[in-house]
Amino acid sequence: MKFGLAYEMQRPELDDHAVIEETIEQVCLADEMGFDYVWFVEHHFLTTFSMSPCPEVIFGALSRLTKRIRLGFGVVILPYHHPVRVAERVAMVDHLTNGRVDMGTGRSAAYEQTGMGIDPRETREMWEESLKMIPQIWESDYFEWEGKYWNVPPRQVLPKPYQQPHPPIWVAALQPATYELAAQRGIGVMALGVSAPSVLEPHISAYRENIKKAQPVGQFVNNQWLSSVFGLCGPDNSATRQLCTDSLKTFFGPGRPYVQDQKDVYARLLDQWGGIPEHLQQNFSRYVDVPAEGEAADGGVDLSGGTALAQKIWEEFDADTLAERGVIVAGDPDSCIKAAKLHEATGVDQLQFLMATETVAHDKVMESIEMFGKHVFPAFR
């Protein structure tokens, strides 16, 4: 199993320069400590939440400062960009890194889409059309296209990627329908919902089976599954788990971008985290009708108290249960190894850590990166 870092480049104090410098320092250390991947999001308009609108720019710097870590677009929002420009930029970074690039793809959310003048109802078709075009651009001497959203007369598009035939292609996925679509298209799954491995395990098995029948958009099938979690390693097991839990709950707190305007979001998060733990069932027994622990992913959570109750239970979800279920990979090295092995047992190819958030200081991130490299990774290699 491989290990990666994810970056939103959060900036609670609106200090753009500081977050850029700290991010570069962290990624350089991750390269030294044996992390396999680093992934940068593409977000726009999310003040204080994310300052990563153009990953290819920071990749230009990191291509010269790192030696082995792979640089992943996590993800390119295909509806925002002409496919020719995507193909050119990814190929250019691939050359700068001597072939260390992966291309994740996605569609983003309505708030950002409308800010870009994109109709959210059309983004699925735009993603599909662009996804078909980009590998053909890389493969063609002269490329031409007539489609619904883009038309290109015969043109040479350079450079071609350094990797042959082209960089691995992925899609950001939050639901089973996208896992199935990824298998059909022969691309990797980036399961970014932050779920317990027990919840994802049947979906991983289905993906492995479905991808056998893939009609790949590119020249090869990228049969890989990435699971995203919050991660933090430190010498104090309890304190590190709690710090990571605070980071997770701040990230998905009320009004934040990944939960904003979503219906029943906290009930769904409880399901993703493996259901309501027994001690919280007892605490809220007057209001909760829930299957036995571990069955929530199948039957769901029936909260007669509604959305407010689901949020209250979510808020009280404790750090130890999150760590024991693998929703967070956090604590001392032994705890991190134990949680990561839960993911490994489900067939995950890559575990992606969101570590540098607005609630985790730069020095704690640096300490964590070093401890993962020195004390956790050897258990997997």
Protein backbone atom coordinates (compact mmCIF):
# COMPACT_ATOMS: atom_id res chain seq x y z
CA MET A 1 0.00 0.00 0.00
CA LYS A 2 1.21 3.48 -0.89
CA PHE A 3 0.82 6.67 1.14
CA GLY A 4 0.01 10.19 0.03
CA LEU A 5 -0.75 13.65 1.34
CA ALA A 6 -3.65 15.85 0.26
CA TYR A 7 -3.51 19.64 0.26
CA GLU A 8 -6.35 22.13 0.37
CA MET A 9 -3.81 24.80 1.40
CA GLN A 10 -6.08 26.18 4.10
CA ARG A 11 -5.44 29.69 5.33
CA PRO A 12 -7.35 30.72 8.47
CA GLU A 13 -5.40 33.95 8.86
CA LEU A 14 -5.45 34.84 5.15
CA ASP A 15 -1.66 34.76 4.95
CA ASP A 16 -1.19 33.51 1.41
CA HIS A 17 2.58 33.65 1.45
CA ALA A 18 2.95 31.72 4.71
CA VAL A 19 0.74 28.84 3.59
CA ILE A 20 2.63 28.56 0.29
CA GLU A 21 6.02 28.47 2.01
CA GLU A 22 4.86 26.01 4.69
CA THR A 23 3.27 23.74 2.11
CA ILE A 24 6.45 23.58 0.03
CA GLU A 25 8.50 22.81 3.15
CA GLN A 26 6.11 20.03 4.14
CA VAL A 27 6.10 18.42 0.70
CA CYS A 28 9.89 18.49 0.51
CA LEU A 29 10.08 16.71 3.86
CA ALA A 30 7.44 14.20 2.71
CA ASP A 31 9.61 13.44 -0.32
CA GLU A 32 12.58 12.76 1.97
CA MET A 33 10.54 10.64 4.39
CA GLY A 34 9.17 8.26 1.78
CA PHE A 35 5.65 9.46 1.01
CA ASP A 36 4.66 8.16 -2.40
CA TYR A 37 2.24 10.89 -3.54
CA VAL A 38 1.15 14.43 -2.87
CA TRP A 39 -2.20 15.62 -4.23
CA PHE A 40 -3.37 19.22 -4.64
CA VAL A 41 -7.02 20.20 -5.01
CA GLU A 42 -8.39 22.79 -7.40
CA HIS A 43 -10.77 25.15 -5.62
CA HIS A 44 -12.00 28.66 -6.33
CA PHE A 45 -13.81 31.29 -4.23
CA LEU A 46 -13.46 29.35 -0.94
CA THR A 47 -11.95 32.12 1.18
CA THR A 48 -10.14 30.80 4.29
CA PHE A 49 -10.96 27.20 3.32
CA SER A 50 -8.69 26.56 0.34
CA MET A 51 -5.97 28.45 -1.45
CA SER A 52 -5.18 25.97 -4.20
CA PRO A 53 -6.65 27.30 -7.46
CA CYS A 54 -3.83 26.23 -9.78
CA PRO A 55 -1.90 23.10 -8.78
CA GLU A 56 0.23 23.18 -11.92
CA VAL A 57 1.92 26.35 -10.68
CA ILE A 58 3.04 24.97 -7.35
CA PHE A 59 3.98 21.74 -9.14
CA GLY A 60 6.40 23.78 -11.19
CA ALA A 61 8.27 24.63 -8.00
CA LEU A 62 7.94 21.16 -6.47
CA SER A 63 9.19 19.50 -9.65
CA ARG A 64 12.57 21.09 -9.05
CA LEU A 65 12.62 20.61 -5.27
CA THR A 66 11.57 16.96 -5.00
CA LYS A 67 13.12 13.79 -6.35
CA ARG A 68 10.77 10.83 -6.06
CA ILE A 69 7.32 11.75 -4.73
CA ARG A 70 4.57 11.68 -7.37
CA LEU A 71 2.62 14.91 -7.92
CA GLY A 72 -1.10 14.37 -8.33
CA PHE A 73 -3.71 16.74 -9.69
CA GLY A 74 -6.34 16.04 -7.09
CA VAL A 75 -8.28 17.02 -9.12
CA VAL A 76 -8.44 18.98 -12.39
CA ILE A 77 -11.99 20.37 -12.64
CA LEU A 78 -12.54 19.44 -16.27
CA PRO A 79 -15.61 21.62 -16.98
CA TYR A 80 -13.57 24.75 -16.15
CA HIS A 81 -10.84 24.20 -18.73
CA HIS A 82 -10.46 23.60 -22.43
CA PRO A 83 -9.28 19.98 -22.80
CA VAL A 84 -6.35 21.07 -24.94
CA ARG A 85 -5.10 23.29 -22.11
CA VAL A 86 -5.48 20.45 -19.60
CA ALA A 87 -3.52 18.09 -21.84
CA GLU A 88 -0.77 20.68 -22.35
CA ARG A 89 -0.39 21.60 -18.68
CA VAL A 90 -0.37 18.05 -17.35
CA ALA A 91 2.13 16.99 -20.01
CA MET A 92 4.39 19.95 -19.20
CA VAL A 93 4.45 19.11 -15.50
CA ASP A 94 5.09 15.49 -16.42
CA HIS A 95 8.27 16.57 -18.22
CA LEU A 96 9.38 18.81 -15.36
CA THR A 97 9.07 15.85 -12.97
CA ASN A 98 10.58 13.26 -15.30
CA GLY A 99 7.31 11.35 -15.32
CA ARG A 100 5.98 11.72 -11.77
CA VAL A 101 2.47 13.00 -12.52
CA ASP A 102 -1.00 11.51 -11.96
CA MET A 103 -4.13 13.25 -13.23
CA GLY A 104 -7.24 13.15 -11.08
CA THR A 105 -10.43 14.56 -12.59
CA GLY A 106 -13.67 15.91 -11.20
CA ARG A 107 -16.58 18.33 -11.53
CA SER A 108 -16.57 20.39 -8.29
CA ALA A 109 -19.76 21.76 -6.68
CA ALA A 110 -22.49 24.24 -7.61
CA TYR A 111 -21.09 27.23 -5.69
CA GLU A 112 -17.82 27.13 -7.61
CA GLN A 113 -19.39 26.05 -10.90
CA THR A 114 -21.79 29.00 -11.03
CA GLY A 115 -18.94 31.34 -10.10
CA MET A 116 -17.16 30.11 -13.21
CA GLY A 117 -20.27 30.61 -15.34
CA ILE A 118 -20.83 26.86 -15.65
CA ASP A 119 -24.30 25.33 -15.47
CA PRO A 120 -24.08 22.56 -12.83
CA ARG A 121 -26.57 20.49 -14.81
CA GLU A 122 -24.11 20.20 -17.70
CA THR A 123 -20.95 19.32 -15.78
CA ARG A 124 -21.39 15.55 -15.99
CA GLU A 125 -21.52 15.63 -19.79
CA MET A 126 -18.67 18.15 -19.92
CA TRP A 127 -16.53 15.89 -17.73
CA GLU A 128 -17.33 12.90 -19.95
CA GLU A 129 -16.43 14.72 -23.17
CA SER A 130 -13.20 16.17 -21.82
CA LEU A 131 -12.20 12.81 -20.33
CA LYS A 132 -12.50 11.21 -23.77
CA MET A 133 -10.57 14.00 -25.47
CA ILE A 134 -7.49 14.31 -23.27
CA PRO A 135 -5.97 10.83 -23.84
CA GLN A 136 -6.63 11.21 -27.57
CA ILE A 137 -4.85 14.58 -27.56
CA TRP A 138 -1.83 12.92 -25.95
CA GLU A 139 -1.89 10.02 -28.40
CA SER A 140 -2.51 11.90 -31.67
CA ASP A 141 0.01 13.46 -34.00
CA TYR A 142 -2.74 15.74 -35.28
CA PHE A 143 -5.83 15.99 -33.11
CA GLU A 144 -9.29 17.10 -34.17
CA TRP A 145 -12.65 17.00 -32.43
CA GLU A 146 -16.28 17.95 -32.98
CA GLY A 147 -18.34 17.64 -29.83
CA LYS A 148 -21.13 19.23 -27.85
CA TYR A 149 -18.91 21.52 -25.78
CA TRP A 150 -15.61 21.72 -27.66
CA ASN A 151 -14.55 21.83 -31.30
CA VAL A 152 -10.91 21.59 -32.39
CA PRO A 153 -9.76 21.73 -36.02
CA PRO A 154 -6.74 19.56 -36.91
CA ARG A 155 -3.88 20.76 -34.73
CA GLN A 156 -0.66 19.45 -33.24
CA VAL A 157 -0.76 19.70 -29.47
CA LEU A 158 2.58 19.67 -27.67
CA PRO A 159 4.20 18.58 -25.50
CA LYS A 160 3.22 14.96 -25.25
CA PRO A 161 3.60 13.42 -21.77
CA TYR A 162 6.98 12.16 -20.60
CA GLN A 163 5.34 8.99 -19.26
CA GLN A 164 4.40 6.50 -21.93
CA PRO A 165 1.73 6.14 -22.97
CA HIS A 166 0.42 8.83 -20.58
CA PRO A 167 -0.06 9.64 -16.85
CA PRO A 168 -2.53 7.53 -14.84
CA ILE A 169 -6.06 8.97 -14.81
CA TRP A 170 -8.39 9.03 -11.77
CA VAL A 171 -11.76 10.46 -10.77
CA ALA A 172 -12.88 11.99 -7.48
CA ALA A 173 -15.70 9.83 -6.15
CA LEU A 174 -18.13 10.24 -3.27
CA GLN A 175 -20.80 7.68 -4.13
CA PRO A 176 -21.21 4.17 -5.58
CA ALA A 177 -22.45 5.43 -8.95
CA THR A 178 -19.10 7.15 -9.52
CA TYR A 179 -17.16 4.06 -8.39
CA GLU A 180 -19.03 2.10 -11.06
CA LEU A 181 -18.41 4.77 -13.68
CA ALA A 182 -14.69 4.72 -12.87
CA ALA A 183 -14.60 0.98 -13.42
CA GLN A 184 -16.40 1.32 -16.75
CA ARG A 185 -13.93 3.97 -17.94
CA GLY A 186 -10.90 2.10 -16.62
CA ILE A 187 -9.74 4.89 -14.31
CA GLY A 188 -8.72 4.96 -10.67
CA VAL A 189 -11.07 5.82 -7.80
CA MET A 190 -10.22 8.64 -5.41
CA ALA A 191 -12.71 7.92 -2.60
CA LEU A 192 -12.65 11.32 -0.94
CA GLY A 193 -15.64 10.95 1.38
CA VAL A 194 -13.56 10.04 4.49
CA SER A 195 -15.21 6.73 5.35
CA ALA A 196 -14.46 3.79 7.60
CA PRO A 197 -12.72 1.00 5.65
CA SER A 198 -15.47 -1.43 6.65
CA VAL A 199 -17.97 0.79 4.83
CA LEU A 200 -15.87 0.99 1.66
CA GLU A 201 -14.82 -2.65 1.51
CA PRO A 202 -17.83 -3.94 -0.52
CA HIS A 203 -17.47 -1.03 -2.94
CA ILE A 204 -13.78 -1.80 -3.45
CA SER A 205 -14.67 -5.43 -4.20
CA ALA A 206 -17.33 -4.36 -6.69
CA TYR A 207 -14.90 -1.97 -8.38
CA ARG A 208 -12.32 -4.75 -8.78
CA GLU A 209 -14.92 -6.97 -10.40
CA ASN A 210 -16.43 -4.30 -12.65
CA ILE A 211 -13.13 -2.98 -13.93
CA LYS A 212 -12.43 -6.36 -15.53
CA LYS A 213 -15.00 -5.31 -18.15
CA ALA A 214 -13.61 -1.77 -18.59
CA GLN A 215 -13.59 0.11 -21.85
CA PRO A 216 -10.72 2.44 -20.92
CA VAL A 217 -10.68 6.06 -22.04
CA GLY A 218 -6.89 5.94 -22.23
CA GLN A 219 -4.29 3.45 -23.38
CA PHE A 220 -4.38 1.38 -20.20
CA VAL A 221 -6.61 0.53 -17.25
CA ASN A 222 -5.66 2.31 -14.04
CA ASN A 223 -6.97 -0.30 -11.59
CA GLN A 224 -6.27 1.61 -8.38
CA TRP A 225 -8.34 2.61 -5.36
CA LEU A 226 -7.36 5.55 -3.16
CA SER A 227 -9.08 6.16 0.18
CA SER A 228 -8.86 9.56 1.86
CA VAL A 229 -8.65 9.90 5.63
CA PHE A 230 -7.46 12.43 8.17
CA GLY A 231 -4.03 11.49 9.45
CA LEU A 232 -1.66 12.68 12.15
CA CYS A 233 1.17 10.94 13.97
CA GLY A 234 2.69 12.19 17.22
CA PRO A 235 4.34 10.98 20.41
CA ASP A 236 1.24 11.49 22.60
CA ASN A 237 -1.39 9.01 21.44
CA SER A 238 -4.43 10.60 23.07
CA ALA A 239 -3.55 14.22 22.31
CA THR A 240 -2.70 13.45 18.68
CA ARG A 241 -5.94 11.55 18.14
CA GLN A 242 -7.90 14.45 19.58
CA LEU A 243 -6.08 17.03 17.48
CA CYS A 244 -6.83 14.99 14.35
CA THR A 245 -10.48 14.61 15.36
CA ASP A 246 -10.81 18.36 15.92
CA SER A 247 -9.35 18.87 12.45
CA LEU A 248 -11.84 16.43 10.91
CA LYS A 249 -14.85 17.99 12.62
CA THR A 250 -13.81 21.53 11.76
CA PHE A 251 -13.38 20.49 8.12
CA PHE A 252 -16.91 19.04 7.96
CA GLY A 253 -18.48 21.55 10.34
CA PRO A 254 -21.75 23.36 9.62
CA GLY A 255 -21.59 25.65 6.61
CA ARG A 256 -18.25 24.33 5.36
CA PRO A 257 -17.88 23.74 1.61
CA TYR A 258 -18.11 19.93 1.61
CA VAL A 259 -21.37 19.89 3.60
CA GLN A 260 -22.99 23.18 2.62
CA ASP A 261 -26.54 22.85 1.27
CA GLN A 262 -26.45 19.04 1.53
CA LYS A 263 -29.50 17.28 2.91
CA ASP A 264 -29.11 14.95 5.92
CA VAL A 265 -25.35 15.38 5.75
CA TYR A 266 -24.61 14.45 9.36
CA ALA A 267 -26.74 11.31 9.27
CA ARG A 268 -24.81 10.30 6.14
CA LEU A 269 -21.48 11.06 7.79
CA LEU A 270 -22.46 8.85 10.73
CA ASP A 271 -23.13 6.06 8.23
CA GLN A 272 -19.79 6.70 6.50
CA TRP A 273 -18.03 6.44 9.83
CA GLY A 274 -19.49 3.01 10.50
CA GLY A 275 -22.69 3.89 12.33
CA ILE A 276 -23.44 5.26 15.79
CA PRO A 277 -21.13 3.66 18.38
CA GLU A 278 -22.76 1.75 21.20
CA HIS A 279 -22.04 4.28 23.93
CA LEU A 280 -23.68 7.05 21.90
CA GLN A 281 -26.64 4.80 21.13
CA GLN A 282 -27.13 4.48 24.87
CA ASN A 283 -26.73 8.21 25.44
CA PHE A 284 -29.36 9.00 22.82
CA SER A 285 -31.48 5.85 23.11
CA ARG A 286 -34.72 7.81 23.46
CA TYR A 287 -34.25 9.31 20.00
CA VAL A 288 -32.29 6.78 17.98
CA ASP A 289 -33.42 3.63 16.19
CA VAL A 290 -30.23 2.14 14.81
CA PRO A 291 -29.08 -1.34 13.69
CA ALA A 292 -26.37 -3.16 15.60
CA GLU A 293 -22.96 -1.53 15.44
CA GLY A 294 -21.31 -2.18 12.09
CA GLU A 295 -24.60 -2.59 10.22
CA ALA A 296 -25.35 1.09 9.70
CA ALA A 297 -23.77 1.14 6.24
CA ASP A 298 -26.48 -1.24 5.03
CA GLY A 299 -29.53 -0.13 6.96
CA GLY A 300 -28.78 3.52 7.59
CA VAL A 301 -29.49 5.50 10.72
CA ASP A 302 -33.07 6.31 11.71
CA LEU A 303 -32.94 9.50 13.74
CA SER A 304 -36.39 10.44 14.94
CA GLY A 305 -34.93 13.67 16.25
CA GLY A 306 -34.03 14.77 12.73
CA THR A 307 -31.10 16.79 11.44
CA ALA A 308 -30.29 18.55 14.69
CA LEU A 309 -29.99 15.25 16.55
CA ALA A 310 -27.77 13.75 13.86
CA GLN A 311 -25.47 16.75 14.11
CA LYS A 312 -25.35 16.49 17.92
CA ILE A 313 -24.40 12.81 17.79
CA TRP A 314 -21.82 13.56 15.10
CA GLU A 315 -20.30 16.26 17.29
CA GLU A 316 -19.93 13.80 20.18
CA PHE A 317 -18.31 11.08 18.08
CA ASP A 318 -15.12 10.38 20.03
CA ALA A 319 -11.54 10.29 18.81
CA ASP A 320 -10.80 6.76 20.01
CA THR A 321 -13.72 5.25 18.09
CA LEU A 322 -12.76 7.18 14.95
CA ALA A 323 -9.20 5.86 15.23
CA GLU A 324 -10.24 2.29 16.00
CA ARG A 325 -12.51 2.27 12.94
CA GLY A 326 -9.84 3.78 10.68
CA VAL A 327 -11.77 6.96 9.89
CA ILE A 328 -8.69 8.74 11.16
CA VAL A 329 -5.18 7.29 11.09
CA ALA A 330 -3.95 9.11 14.14
CA GLY A 331 -2.08 8.77 17.40
CA ASP A 332 1.30 7.30 18.16
CA PRO A 333 3.03 5.14 15.53
CA ASP A 334 1.51 1.89 16.79
CA SER A 335 -1.99 3.36 16.55
CA CYS A 336 -1.32 4.67 13.05
CA ILE A 337 -0.01 1.29 11.91
CA LYS A 338 -3.07 -0.48 13.32
CA ALA A 339 -5.52 1.91 11.61
CA ALA A 340 -3.67 1.87 8.29
CA LYS A 341 -3.72 -1.92 8.25
CA LEU A 342 -7.53 -1.83 8.41
CA HIS A 343 -7.44 -0.05 5.05
CA GLU A 344 -4.77 -2.34 3.66
CA ALA A 345 -6.94 -5.36 4.48
CA THR A 346 -9.77 -4.02 2.29
CA GLY A 347 -7.53 -3.85 -0.78
CA VAL A 348 -6.82 -0.11 -0.80
CA ASP A 349 -3.89 0.75 -3.07
CA GLN A 350 -3.21 4.17 -1.61
CA LEU A 351 -4.07 5.85 1.67
CA GLN A 352 -4.27 9.61 1.34
CA PHE A 353 -3.88 11.76 4.47
CA LEU A 354 -5.35 15.21 4.89
CA MET A 355 -2.94 16.44 7.53
CA ALA A 356 -2.27 20.16 7.03
CA THR A 357 -5.52 21.91 7.94
CA GLU A 358 -6.40 25.20 9.58
CA THR A 359 -6.40 23.61 13.06
CA VAL A 360 -3.07 21.77 12.81
CA ALA A 361 0.02 23.94 13.13
CA HIS A 362 2.94 23.71 10.73
CA ASP A 363 5.30 22.24 13.34
CA LYS A 364 2.80 19.47 14.14
CA VAL A 365 2.49 18.62 10.45
CA MET A 366 6.28 18.46 10.07
CA GLU A 367 6.56 16.24 13.16
CA SER A 368 3.83 13.97 11.82
CA ILE A 369 5.39 13.62 8.36
CA GLU A 370 8.70 12.65 9.94
CA MET A 371 7.12 10.13 12.34
CA PHE A 372 5.15 8.47 9.55
CA GLY A 373 8.34 8.08 7.53
CA LYS A 374 10.49 6.78 10.36
CA HIS A 375 8.07 4.67 12.37
CA VAL A 376 4.93 3.81 10.34
CA PHE A 377 6.00 3.17 6.74
CA PRO A 378 8.52 0.43 7.65
CA ALA A 379 5.59 -1.74 8.77
CA PHE A 380 4.26 -1.68 5.19
CA ARG A 381 7.50 -2.07 3.21
